[in-house]
Amino acid sequence: MDSMDAVRGHHRGGPDQLVHERAPRPVPGEGEVLVRVRSASITPGELDWDATWTDALDGGGAPRLPIVPSKEFSGVVAGTGPAVTDRSPGDEVYGLIPFTRDGAAAEFTVVPAAVIAAKPPSLDHDHAAVLPLAGLTALQGLVRHGGLRGGQRVLVHGGAGGVGAYAVQIAAALGASVTATAAARDADFVRGLGAERVIDYAAERFEDLLGGAGAVDLVLDTVGGDNVTRSWQVLRPSGVLVGVAVPPETTGPGGARGVFFVVEPDRAGLEELSRLVADGRLEPRVAQVFPLARTAEAYAALGRPHRRGKIVLTVS
């Protein structure tokens, strides 16, 4: 069996459980593609997810050790399995790997062909690799679950964060009027992303400044805490509160609706993100780059606060 360079965890745990080693090279099955990974991106909390270590999202699954971490990638198709007709070796692609599968911290990964998309031509592999998870979370939260339409008023909690920064850009690009909460030091950064108004969450109460009920049509909360309950106070009747950090109540005052979701791999969503990149409306940011051999160090670095952009593993 062919082998490859990979980072694997043989026991559930933190970065100290990750080992850089030789591993069997995966073989694509029906409907799958083999991708030679150029860059992979990592996410805070990823090593705590049940899906990283088991075959289920909810903690009830069977262990599938050893695992390969990192769920976002950009790379080049190296081979295809049976029934794949729309991808060919040499195609540059990017995507989000389903959470209960091995990830991209390796020279090669196998991904369902149906969930990957052509890499945005204007992006290098590092910048393409940081886009899928947070970008799809923001897009699905705003559009699929929030029903965003042009001209609506949107409040994004955590506008300088990983998901929040994409949400501000996407909502503005789709014609919304965007208010975001952020730390004072990040206010100019968030305005540069497209927010018309930035509220300092440490010094100001957004519900007082926005004027109460009916101030916004849609809230996207990436922070949790009491933001969730306080957000009901500014939503219009029949508005939507979308949570990605903690689940909100399913119903609120005046018939407002609460939604919690887990992002899903989505080719159409990736293609929409690529279109926004091509139009100059969406800019992915890379905070730091590590070689594959230093993956454990990269995961440890995720705990450092106030990082703009994601951490990337350069694989090959």
C-alpha atoms as a PDB file:
ATOM      1  CA  MET A   1       0.000   0.000   0.000  1.00  0.00           C
ATOM      2  CA  ASP A   2       1.234   3.497  -0.837  1.00  0.00           C
ATOM      3  CA  SER A   3       2.048   5.721   2.117  1.00  0.00           C
ATOM      4  CA  MET A   4       2.029   9.475   2.762  1.00  0.00           C
ATOM      5  CA  ASP A   5       3.126  12.100   5.247  1.00  0.00           C
ATOM      6  CA  ALA A   6       0.316  12.738   7.732  1.00  0.00           C
ATOM      7  CA  VAL A   7      -0.549  14.010  11.181  1.00  0.00           C
ATOM      8  CA  ARG A   8      -2.673  11.590  13.194  1.00  0.00           C
ATOM      9  CA  GLY A   9      -4.142  11.243  16.655  1.00  0.00           C
ATOM     10  CA  HIS A  10      -4.053   7.713  18.047  1.00  0.00           C
ATOM     11  CA  HIS A  11      -5.727   8.672  21.330  1.00  0.00           C
ATOM     12  CA  ARG A  12      -8.426  11.264  21.931  1.00  0.00           C
ATOM     13  CA  GLY A  13      -7.069  14.483  23.376  1.00  0.00           C
ATOM     14  CA  GLY A  14      -5.447  17.806  22.610  1.00  0.00           C
ATOM     15  CA  PRO A  15      -2.482  18.846  20.467  1.00  0.00           C
ATOM     16  CA  ASP A  16      -0.151  16.663  22.515  1.00  0.00           C
ATOM     17  CA  GLN A  17      -1.854  13.595  21.026  1.00  0.00           C
ATOM     18  CA  LEU A  18      -1.005  14.541  17.421  1.00  0.00           C
ATOM     19  CA  VAL A  19       1.868  12.695  15.783  1.00  0.00           C
ATOM     20  CA  HIS A  20       3.598  13.517  12.486  1.00  0.00           C
ATOM     21  CA  GLU A  21       4.233  10.158  10.813  1.00  0.00           C
ATOM     22  CA  ARG A  22       3.901   7.976   7.742  1.00  0.00           C
ATOM     23  CA  ALA A  23       0.391   6.657   7.162  1.00  0.00           C
ATOM     24  CA  PRO A  24      -1.461   4.653   4.512  1.00  0.00           C
ATOM     25  CA  ARG A  25      -2.476   6.733   1.523  1.00  0.00           C
ATOM     26  CA  PRO A  26      -6.288   6.709   1.176  1.00  0.00           C
ATOM     27  CA  VAL A  27      -7.994   5.285  -1.900  1.00  0.00           C
ATOM     28  CA  PRO A  28     -11.081   7.016  -3.350  1.00  0.00           C
ATOM     29  CA  GLY A  29     -14.283   4.991  -3.453  1.00  0.00           C
ATOM     30  CA  GLU A  30     -17.373   5.493  -5.560  1.00  0.00           C
ATOM     31  CA  GLY A  31     -18.239   9.173  -5.906  1.00  0.00           C
ATOM     32  CA  GLU A  32     -15.018  10.275  -4.202  1.00  0.00           C
ATOM     33  CA  VAL A  33     -11.897  12.136  -5.268  1.00  0.00           C
ATOM     34  CA  LEU A  34      -8.339  11.834  -4.024  1.00  0.00           C
ATOM     35  CA  VAL A  35      -6.906  15.302  -3.382  1.00  0.00           C
ATOM     36  CA  ARG A  36      -3.249  16.136  -3.055  1.00  0.00           C
ATOM     37  CA  VAL A  37      -3.479  18.693  -0.266  1.00  0.00           C
ATOM     38  CA  ARG A  38      -1.574  21.928  -0.714  1.00  0.00           C
ATOM     39  CA  SER A  39      -2.936  23.789   2.301  1.00  0.00           C
ATOM     40  CA  ALA A  40      -5.225  22.867   5.188  1.00  0.00           C
ATOM     41  CA  SER A  41      -6.873  25.071   7.788  1.00  0.00           C
ATOM     42  CA  ILE A  42      -7.596  24.339  11.442  1.00  0.00           C
ATOM     43  CA  THR A  43     -10.366  25.540  13.741  1.00  0.00           C
ATOM     44  CA  PRO A  44     -10.568  26.376  17.464  1.00  0.00           C
ATOM     45  CA  GLY A  45     -12.255  23.579  19.394  1.00  0.00           C
ATOM     46  CA  GLU A  46     -11.826  21.056  16.601  1.00  0.00           C
ATOM     47  CA  LEU A  47      -9.998  18.563  18.812  1.00  0.00           C
ATOM     48  CA  ASP A  48     -12.883  18.738  21.299  1.00  0.00           C
ATOM     49  CA  TRP A  49     -15.556  17.813  18.753  1.00  0.00           C
ATOM     50  CA  ASP A  50     -17.012  14.320  19.095  1.00  0.00           C
ATOM     51  CA  ALA A  51     -17.131  14.095  15.306  1.00  0.00           C
ATOM     52  CA  THR A  52     -13.352  14.514  15.108  1.00  0.00           C
ATOM     53  CA  TRP A  53     -12.829  11.252  16.969  1.00  0.00           C
ATOM     54  CA  THR A  54     -15.969   9.182  16.321  1.00  0.00           C
ATOM     55  CA  ASP A  55     -18.364   8.333  13.517  1.00  0.00           C
ATOM     56  CA  ALA A  56     -21.189  10.556  14.860  1.00  0.00           C
ATOM     57  CA  LEU A  57     -21.722  14.248  15.576  1.00  0.00           C
ATOM     58  CA  ASP A  58     -23.435  13.813  18.932  1.00  0.00           C
ATOM     59  CA  GLY A  59     -20.972  11.826  21.000  1.00  0.00           C
ATOM     60  CA  GLY A  60     -22.795   8.523  20.579  1.00  0.00           C
ATOM     61  CA  GLY A  61     -20.604   7.210  17.813  1.00  0.00           C
ATOM     62  CA  ALA A  62     -17.928   4.568  17.755  1.00  0.00           C
ATOM     63  CA  PRO A  63     -14.265   5.658  17.906  1.00  0.00           C
ATOM     64  CA  ARG A  64     -12.454   5.725  14.573  1.00  0.00           C
ATOM     65  CA  LEU A  65      -8.831   5.970  15.687  1.00  0.00           C
ATOM     66  CA  PRO A  66      -6.322   6.955  14.481  1.00  0.00           C
ATOM     67  CA  ILE A  67      -7.750  10.171  13.016  1.00  0.00           C
ATOM     68  CA  VAL A  68      -6.373  12.865  10.715  1.00  0.00           C
ATOM     69  CA  PRO A  69      -7.486  16.365  11.815  1.00  0.00           C
ATOM     70  CA  SER A  70      -8.269  19.566   9.844  1.00  0.00           C
ATOM     71  CA  LYS A  71     -11.543  19.844   7.917  1.00  0.00           C
ATOM     72  CA  GLU A  72     -10.733  22.552   5.342  1.00  0.00           C
ATOM     73  CA  PHE A  73      -8.416  22.158   2.409  1.00  0.00           C
ATOM     74  CA  SER A  74      -7.242  23.481  -0.903  1.00  0.00           C
ATOM     75  CA  GLY A  75      -5.385  21.276  -3.313  1.00  0.00           C
ATOM     76  CA  VAL A  76      -5.245  19.412  -6.600  1.00  0.00           C
ATOM     77  CA  VAL A  77      -7.238  16.362  -7.686  1.00  0.00           C
ATOM     78  CA  ALA A  78      -4.841  13.406  -7.847  1.00  0.00           C
ATOM     79  CA  GLY A  79      -7.342  10.691  -8.735  1.00  0.00           C
ATOM     80  CA  THR A  80     -11.020   9.837  -8.908  1.00  0.00           C
ATOM     81  CA  GLY A  81     -13.163   6.919  -7.839  1.00  0.00           C
ATOM     82  CA  PRO A  82     -15.904   5.236  -9.862  1.00  0.00           C
ATOM     83  CA  ALA A  83     -18.869   7.382 -10.960  1.00  0.00           C
ATOM     84  CA  VAL A  84     -16.993  10.689 -10.708  1.00  0.00           C
ATOM     85  CA  THR A  85     -17.504  12.520 -13.991  1.00  0.00           C
ATOM     86  CA  ASP A  86     -17.089  16.192 -13.129  1.00  0.00           C
ATOM     87  CA  ARG A  87     -13.561  16.213 -11.672  1.00  0.00           C
ATOM     88  CA  SER A  88     -10.280  15.244 -13.308  1.00  0.00           C
ATOM     89  CA  PRO A  89      -6.688  14.909 -12.127  1.00  0.00           C
ATOM     90  CA  GLY A  90      -5.030  18.318 -12.110  1.00  0.00           C
ATOM     91  CA  ASP A  91      -8.182  20.266 -11.157  1.00  0.00           C
ATOM     92  CA  GLU A  92      -7.570  22.783  -8.384  1.00  0.00           C
ATOM     93  CA  VAL A  93     -10.312  22.373  -5.767  1.00  0.00           C
ATOM     94  CA  TYR A  94     -11.216  23.384  -2.253  1.00  0.00           C
ATOM     95  CA  GLY A  95     -13.814  22.415   0.283  1.00  0.00           C
ATOM     96  CA  LEU A  96     -15.066  21.363   3.694  1.00  0.00           C
ATOM     97  CA  ILE A  97     -14.604  17.707   4.599  1.00  0.00           C
ATOM     98  CA  PRO A  98     -17.571  16.028   6.368  1.00  0.00           C
ATOM     99  CA  PHE A  99     -16.819  16.150  10.078  1.00  0.00           C
ATOM    100  CA  THR A 100     -16.894  12.396  10.712  1.00  0.00           C
ATOM    101  CA  ARG A 101     -14.250  11.678   8.072  1.00  0.00           C
ATOM    102  CA  ASP A 102     -10.474  11.980   8.215  1.00  0.00           C
ATOM    103  CA  GLY A 103      -9.252  15.476   7.492  1.00  0.00           C
ATOM    104  CA  ALA A 104      -6.636  17.288   5.468  1.00  0.00           C
ATOM    105  CA  ALA A 105      -3.548  17.376   7.698  1.00  0.00           C
ATOM    106  CA  ALA A 106      -1.863  14.953   5.308  1.00  0.00           C
ATOM    107  CA  GLU A 107      -0.385  14.817   1.828  1.00  0.00           C
ATOM    108  CA  PHE A 108      -3.612  13.282   0.514  1.00  0.00           C
ATOM    109  CA  THR A 109      -7.245  13.239   1.572  1.00  0.00           C
ATOM    110  CA  VAL A 110     -10.365  11.597   0.144  1.00  0.00           C
ATOM    111  CA  VAL A 111     -13.515  13.709  -0.175  1.00  0.00           C
ATOM    112  CA  PRO A 112     -16.964  13.178  -1.726  1.00  0.00           C
ATOM    113  CA  ALA A 113     -16.866  14.821  -5.146  1.00  0.00           C
ATOM    114  CA  ALA A 114     -20.320  16.310  -4.562  1.00  0.00           C
ATOM    115  CA  VAL A 115     -19.126  18.668  -1.800  1.00  0.00           C
ATOM    116  CA  ILE A 116     -16.031  20.247  -3.359  1.00  0.00           C
ATOM    117  CA  ALA A 117     -15.733  23.140  -5.773  1.00  0.00           C
ATOM    118  CA  ALA A 118     -13.180  24.703  -8.070  1.00  0.00           C
ATOM    119  CA  LYS A 119     -10.671  26.818  -6.140  1.00  0.00           C
ATOM    120  CA  PRO A 120     -11.223  30.568  -6.610  1.00  0.00           C
ATOM    121  CA  PRO A 121      -8.622  31.423  -9.286  1.00  0.00           C
ATOM    122  CA  SER A 122      -7.568  34.664  -7.586  1.00  0.00           C
ATOM    123  CA  LEU A 123      -6.671  32.956  -4.306  1.00  0.00           C
ATOM    124  CA  ASP A 124      -3.542  31.002  -3.483  1.00  0.00           C
ATOM    125  CA  HIS A 125      -4.016  27.679  -1.716  1.00  0.00           C
ATOM    126  CA  ASP A 126      -3.420  29.137   1.753  1.00  0.00           C
ATOM    127  CA  HIS A 127      -6.202  31.708   1.386  1.00  0.00           C
ATOM    128  CA  ALA A 128      -8.589  29.261  -0.277  1.00  0.00           C
ATOM    129  CA  ALA A 129      -8.133  26.779   2.565  1.00  0.00           C
ATOM    130  CA  VAL A 130      -9.352  29.225   5.228  1.00  0.00           C
ATOM    131  CA  LEU A 131     -12.624  29.991   3.458  1.00  0.00           C
ATOM    132  CA  PRO A 132     -14.878  26.880   3.566  1.00  0.00           C
ATOM    133  CA  LEU A 133     -15.860  26.310   7.212  1.00  0.00           C
ATOM    134  CA  ALA A 134     -16.319  29.867   8.461  1.00  0.00           C
ATOM    135  CA  GLY A 135     -17.485  31.131   5.081  1.00  0.00           C
ATOM    136  CA  LEU A 136     -20.125  28.427   4.691  1.00  0.00           C
ATOM    137  CA  THR A 137     -21.226  28.910   8.306  1.00  0.00           C
ATOM    138  CA  ALA A 138     -21.810  32.615   7.679  1.00  0.00           C
ATOM    139  CA  LEU A 139     -23.502  32.045   4.322  1.00  0.00           C
ATOM    140  CA  GLN A 140     -25.767  29.236   5.509  1.00  0.00           C
ATOM    141  CA  GLY A 141     -26.643  31.120   8.683  1.00  0.00           C
ATOM    142  CA  LEU A 142     -27.584  34.304   6.863  1.00  0.00           C
ATOM    143  CA  VAL A 143     -29.264  32.909   3.751  1.00  0.00           C
ATOM    144  CA  ARG A 144     -30.414  29.317   4.282  1.00  0.00           C
ATOM    145  CA  HIS A 145     -31.481  29.671   7.911  1.00  0.00           C
ATOM    146  CA  GLY A 146     -31.970  33.425   8.230  1.00  0.00           C
ATOM    147  CA  GLY A 147     -33.652  34.041   4.876  1.00  0.00           C
ATOM    148  CA  LEU A 148     -31.575  37.179   4.260  1.00  0.00           C
ATOM    149  CA  ARG A 149     -32.808  39.514   1.540  1.00  0.00           C
ATOM    150  CA  GLY A 150     -31.371  42.733   0.179  1.00  0.00           C
ATOM    151  CA  GLY A 151     -32.436  45.818   2.106  1.00  0.00           C
ATOM    152  CA  GLN A 152     -32.822  44.027   5.438  1.00  0.00           C
ATOM    153  CA  ARG A 153     -31.154  45.128   8.669  1.00  0.00           C
ATOM    154  CA  VAL A 154     -28.706  42.607  10.115  1.00  0.00           C
ATOM    155  CA  LEU A 155     -26.971  42.467  13.485  1.00  0.00           C
ATOM    156  CA  VAL A 156     -23.822  40.327  13.654  1.00  0.00           C
ATOM    157  CA  HIS A 157     -22.445  39.517  17.091  1.00  0.00           C
ATOM    158  CA  GLY A 158     -18.680  39.023  17.026  1.00  0.00           C
ATOM    159  CA  GLY A 159     -18.025  40.926  13.813  1.00  0.00           C
ATOM    160  CA  ALA A 160     -14.247  40.597  14.073  1.00  0.00           C
ATOM    161  CA  GLY A 161     -14.265  36.845  14.709  1.00  0.00           C
ATOM    162  CA  GLY A 162     -13.771  33.982  12.305  1.00  0.00           C
ATOM    163  CA  VAL A 163     -17.414  33.526  11.290  1.00  0.00           C
ATOM    164  CA  GLY A 164     -18.467  37.078  12.118  1.00  0.00           C
ATOM    165  CA  ALA A 165     -15.961  38.685   9.767  1.00  0.00           C
ATOM    166  CA  TYR A 166     -17.315  36.637   6.871  1.00  0.00           C
ATOM    167  CA  ALA A 167     -20.904  37.323   7.934  1.00  0.00           C
ATOM    168  CA  VAL A 168     -20.360  41.086   7.857  1.00  0.00           C
ATOM    169  CA  GLN A 169     -18.838  40.895   4.374  1.00  0.00           C
ATOM    170  CA  ILE A 170     -21.479  38.523   2.990  1.00  0.00           C
ATOM    171  CA  ALA A 171     -24.450  40.408   4.440  1.00  0.00           C
ATOM    172  CA  ALA A 172     -23.132  43.702   3.063  1.00  0.00           C
ATOM    173  CA  ALA A 173     -22.419  42.121  -0.320  1.00  0.00           C
ATOM    174  CA  LEU A 174     -26.000  40.822  -0.478  1.00  0.00           C
ATOM    175  CA  GLY A 175     -27.402  44.294   0.109  1.00  0.00           C
ATOM    176  CA  ALA A 176     -28.106  44.291   3.836  1.00  0.00           C
ATOM    177  CA  SER A 177     -27.529  47.138   6.258  1.00  0.00           C
ATOM    178  CA  VAL A 178     -25.096  45.660   8.774  1.00  0.00           C
ATOM    179  CA  THR A 179     -24.511  46.493  12.430  1.00  0.00           C
ATOM    180  CA  ALA A 180     -21.894  44.463  14.285  1.00  0.00           C
ATOM    181  CA  THR A 181     -20.702  44.122  17.854  1.00  0.00           C
ATOM    182  CA  ALA A 182     -16.959  43.973  18.408  1.00  0.00           C
ATOM    183  CA  ALA A 183     -14.194  45.150  20.717  1.00  0.00           C
ATOM    184  CA  ALA A 184     -13.306  48.820  20.402  1.00  0.00           C
ATOM    185  CA  ARG A 185      -9.850  47.967  19.037  1.00  0.00           C
ATOM    186  CA  ASP A 186     -11.511  46.100  16.151  1.00  0.00           C
ATOM    187  CA  ALA A 187     -14.041  48.781  15.194  1.00  0.00           C
ATOM    188  CA  ASP A 188     -12.142  50.135  12.172  1.00  0.00           C
ATOM    189  CA  PHE A 189     -11.407  46.614  10.951  1.00  0.00           C
ATOM    190  CA  VAL A 190     -15.096  45.642  11.099  1.00  0.00           C
ATOM    191  CA  ARG A 191     -16.181  48.854   9.369  1.00  0.00           C
ATOM    192  CA  GLY A 192     -13.710  47.993   6.636  1.00  0.00           C
ATOM    193  CA  LEU A 193     -15.512  44.681   6.170  1.00  0.00           C
ATOM    194  CA  GLY A 194     -18.751  46.500   5.375  1.00  0.00           C
ATOM    195  CA  ALA A 195     -20.470  47.224   8.701  1.00  0.00           C
ATOM    196  CA  GLU A 196     -22.291  50.545   8.727  1.00  0.00           C
ATOM    197  CA  ARG A 197     -22.204  50.634  12.514  1.00  0.00           C
ATOM    198  CA  VAL A 198     -19.953  48.949  15.076  1.00  0.00           C
ATOM    199  CA  ILE A 199     -20.981  48.730  18.738  1.00  0.00           C
ATOM    200  CA  ASP A 200     -18.352  48.228  21.437  1.00  0.00           C
ATOM    201  CA  TYR A 201     -19.743  45.248  23.317  1.00  0.00           C
ATOM    202  CA  ALA A 202     -17.645  45.995  26.411  1.00  0.00           C
ATOM    203  CA  ALA A 203     -18.845  49.582  26.856  1.00  0.00           C
ATOM    204  CA  GLU A 204     -22.267  49.749  25.216  1.00  0.00           C
ATOM    205  CA  ARG A 205     -25.487  47.761  25.255  1.00  0.00           C
ATOM    206  CA  PHE A 206     -26.550  47.097  21.699  1.00  0.00           C
ATOM    207  CA  GLU A 207     -30.232  46.822  22.607  1.00  0.00           C
ATOM    208  CA  ASP A 208     -30.214  50.370  24.009  1.00  0.00           C
ATOM    209  CA  LEU A 209     -28.362  51.881  21.052  1.00  0.00           C
ATOM    210  CA  LEU A 210     -30.474  50.129  18.423  1.00  0.00           C
ATOM    211  CA  GLY A 211     -33.735  51.377  19.877  1.00  0.00           C
ATOM    212  CA  GLY A 212     -35.522  48.240  20.949  1.00  0.00           C
ATOM    213  CA  ALA A 213     -37.991  45.954  19.221  1.00  0.00           C
ATOM    214  CA  GLY A 214     -38.095  46.038  15.449  1.00  0.00           C
ATOM    215  CA  ALA A 215     -34.615  47.513  15.008  1.00  0.00           C
ATOM    216  CA  VAL A 216     -33.283  44.568  12.970  1.00  0.00           C
ATOM    217  CA  ASP A 217     -34.693  41.813  10.780  1.00  0.00           C
ATOM    218  CA  LEU A 218     -32.000  39.209  11.393  1.00  0.00           C
ATOM    219  CA  VAL A 219     -29.450  38.501  14.120  1.00  0.00           C
ATOM    220  CA  LEU A 220     -26.487  36.191  13.572  1.00  0.00           C
ATOM    221  CA  ASP A 221     -24.898  35.346  16.919  1.00  0.00           C
ATOM    222  CA  THR A 222     -21.399  33.837  16.921  1.00  0.00           C
ATOM    223  CA  VAL A 223     -20.630  34.600  20.569  1.00  0.00           C
ATOM    224  CA  GLY A 224     -23.282  33.112  22.866  1.00  0.00           C
ATOM    225  CA  GLY A 225     -23.758  34.187  26.473  1.00  0.00           C
ATOM    226  CA  ASP A 226     -26.437  36.734  27.264  1.00  0.00           C
ATOM    227  CA  ASN A 227     -26.228  38.088  23.710  1.00  0.00           C
ATOM    228  CA  VAL A 228     -28.772  35.438  22.799  1.00  0.00           C
ATOM    229  CA  THR A 229     -31.517  36.468  25.208  1.00  0.00           C
ATOM    230  CA  ARG A 230     -30.826  40.185  24.772  1.00  0.00           C
ATOM    231  CA  SER A 231     -31.060  39.882  20.982  1.00  0.00           C
ATOM    232  CA  TRP A 232     -34.772  39.116  21.157  1.00  0.00           C
ATOM    233  CA  GLN A 233     -35.266  42.722  22.304  1.00  0.00           C
ATOM    234  CA  VAL A 234     -34.153  44.191  18.960  1.00  0.00           C
ATOM    235  CA  LEU A 235     -35.760  41.757  16.515  1.00  0.00           C
ATOM    236  CA  ARG A 236     -38.832  42.707  14.561  1.00  0.00           C
ATOM    237  CA  PRO A 237     -41.888  40.454  14.867  1.00  0.00           C
ATOM    238  CA  SER A 238     -41.276  37.441  12.618  1.00  0.00           C
ATOM    239  CA  GLY A 239     -37.543  38.207  12.550  1.00  0.00           C
ATOM    240  CA  VAL A 240     -34.920  35.467  12.864  1.00  0.00           C
ATOM    241  CA  LEU A 241     -32.214  34.890  15.479  1.00  0.00           C
ATOM    242  CA  VAL A 242     -29.594  32.464  14.149  1.00  0.00           C
ATOM    243  CA  GLY A 243     -27.120  31.024  16.645  1.00  0.00           C
ATOM    244  CA  VAL A 244     -23.911  29.205  15.786  1.00  0.00           C
ATOM    245  CA  ALA A 245     -22.373  29.257  19.274  1.00  0.00           C
ATOM    246  CA  VAL A 246     -25.301  28.196  21.479  1.00  0.00           C
ATOM    247  CA  PRO A 247     -28.909  27.291  20.601  1.00  0.00           C
ATOM    248  CA  PRO A 248     -31.437  30.094  21.088  1.00  0.00           C
ATOM    249  CA  GLU A 249     -35.032  29.462  22.072  1.00  0.00           C
ATOM    250  CA  THR A 250     -36.984  28.383  19.012  1.00  0.00           C
ATOM    251  CA  THR A 251     -39.537  31.182  19.407  1.00  0.00           C
ATOM    252  CA  GLY A 252     -39.315  34.720  20.704  1.00  0.00           C
ATOM    253  CA  PRO A 253     -41.483  37.799  21.193  1.00  0.00           C
ATOM    254  CA  GLY A 254     -43.892  38.683  18.415  1.00  0.00           C
ATOM    255  CA  GLY A 255     -43.411  35.414  16.578  1.00  0.00           C
ATOM    256  CA  ALA A 256     -39.668  35.858  16.058  1.00  0.00           C
ATOM    257  CA  ARG A 257     -37.919  32.589  15.313  1.00  0.00           C
ATOM    258  CA  GLY A 258     -34.727  31.071  16.737  1.00  0.00           C
ATOM    259  CA  VAL A 259     -32.489  28.691  14.781  1.00  0.00           C
ATOM    260  CA  PHE A 260     -29.343  26.765  15.688  1.00  0.00           C
ATOM    261  CA  PHE A 261     -27.428  24.751  13.100  1.00  0.00           C
ATOM    262  CA  VAL A 262     -24.169  22.991  12.342  1.00  0.00           C
ATOM    263  CA  VAL A 263     -22.554  23.949   9.064  1.00  0.00           C
ATOM    264  CA  GLU A 264     -22.697  21.362   6.276  1.00  0.00           C
ATOM    265  CA  PRO A 265     -20.390  20.751   3.319  1.00  0.00           C
ATOM    266  CA  ASP A 266     -22.034  22.443   0.352  1.00  0.00           C
ATOM    267  CA  ARG A 267     -20.751  22.786  -3.207  1.00  0.00           C
ATOM    268  CA  ALA A 268     -23.308  25.440  -4.181  1.00  0.00           C
ATOM    269  CA  GLY A 269     -22.307  27.459  -1.138  1.00  0.00           C
ATOM    270  CA  LEU A 270     -18.623  27.202  -2.040  1.00  0.00           C
ATOM    271  CA  GLU A 271     -19.429  28.388  -5.547  1.00  0.00           C
ATOM    272  CA  GLU A 272     -21.294  31.387  -4.104  1.00  0.00           C
ATOM    273  CA  LEU A 273     -18.310  32.201  -1.868  1.00  0.00           C
ATOM    274  CA  SER A 274     -16.048  31.961  -4.928  1.00  0.00           C
ATOM    275  CA  ARG A 275     -18.296  34.377  -6.799  1.00  0.00           C
ATOM    276  CA  LEU A 276     -18.112  36.888  -3.963  1.00  0.00           C
ATOM    277  CA  VAL A 277     -14.321  36.546  -3.929  1.00  0.00           C
ATOM    278  CA  ALA A 278     -14.169  37.115  -7.695  1.00  0.00           C
ATOM    279  CA  ASP A 279     -16.368  40.206  -7.318  1.00  0.00           C
ATOM    280  CA  GLY A 280     -14.048  41.633  -4.692  1.00  0.00           C
ATOM    281  CA  ARG A 281     -16.745  41.424  -2.011  1.00  0.00           C
ATOM    282  CA  LEU A 282     -15.178  38.726   0.170  1.00  0.00           C
ATOM    283  CA  GLU A 283     -11.606  38.558   1.435  1.00  0.00           C
ATOM    284  CA  PRO A 284     -10.357  35.524   3.381  1.00  0.00           C
ATOM    285  CA  ARG A 285      -7.600  36.239   5.882  1.00  0.00           C
ATOM    286  CA  VAL A 286      -4.661  34.099   6.969  1.00  0.00           C
ATOM    287  CA  ALA A 287      -3.288  34.787  10.445  1.00  0.00           C
ATOM    288  CA  GLN A 288      -0.350  32.365  10.542  1.00  0.00           C
ATOM    289  CA  VAL A 289       1.134  29.515   8.506  1.00  0.00           C
ATOM    290  CA  PHE A 290       2.792  26.374   9.899  1.00  0.00           C
ATOM    291  CA  PRO A 291       4.415  23.467   8.060  1.00  0.00           C
ATOM    292  CA  LEU A 292       2.685  20.101   8.407  1.00  0.00           C
ATOM    293  CA  ALA A 293       5.374  18.833  10.763  1.00  0.00           C
ATOM    294  CA  ARG A 294       4.424  21.550  13.275  1.00  0.00           C
ATOM    295  CA  THR A 295       0.691  20.784  13.296  1.00  0.00           C
ATOM    296  CA  ALA A 296       0.585  20.182  17.063  1.00  0.00           C
ATOM    297  CA  GLU A 297       2.146  23.598  17.603  1.00  0.00           C
ATOM    298  CA  ALA A 298      -0.401  25.131  15.219  1.00  0.00           C
ATOM    299  CA  TYR A 299      -3.313  23.699  17.217  1.00  0.00           C
ATOM    300  CA  ALA A 300      -1.781  25.019  20.429  1.00  0.00           C
ATOM    301  CA  ALA A 301      -1.575  28.476  18.823  1.00  0.00           C
ATOM    302  CA  LEU A 302      -5.359  28.480  18.312  1.00  0.00           C
ATOM    303  CA  GLY A 303      -5.714  29.406  21.978  1.00  0.00           C
ATOM    304  CA  ARG A 304      -4.081  32.806  21.510  1.00  0.00           C
ATOM    305  CA  PRO A 305      -6.686  35.599  21.628  1.00  0.00           C
ATOM    306  CA  HIS A 306      -7.476  38.385  19.153  1.00  0.00           C
ATOM    307  CA  ARG A 307      -6.272  36.651  16.013  1.00  0.00           C
ATOM    308  CA  ARG A 308      -7.607  38.033  12.722  1.00  0.00           C
ATOM    309  CA  GLY A 309      -7.827  35.214  10.230  1.00  0.00           C
ATOM    310  CA  LYS A 310      -7.239  31.479  10.462  1.00  0.00           C
ATOM    311  CA  ILE A 311      -4.203  29.287  10.929  1.00  0.00           C
ATOM    312  CA  VAL A 312      -3.013  27.325   7.907  1.00  0.00           C
ATOM    313  CA  LEU A 313      -0.935  24.182   7.503  1.00  0.00           C
ATOM    314  CA  THR A 314       1.204  24.194   4.389  1.00  0.00           C
ATOM    315  CA  VAL A 315       1.213  20.561   3.366  1.00  0.00           C
ATOM    316  CA  SER A 316       2.970  20.274   0.020  1.00  0.00           C
END
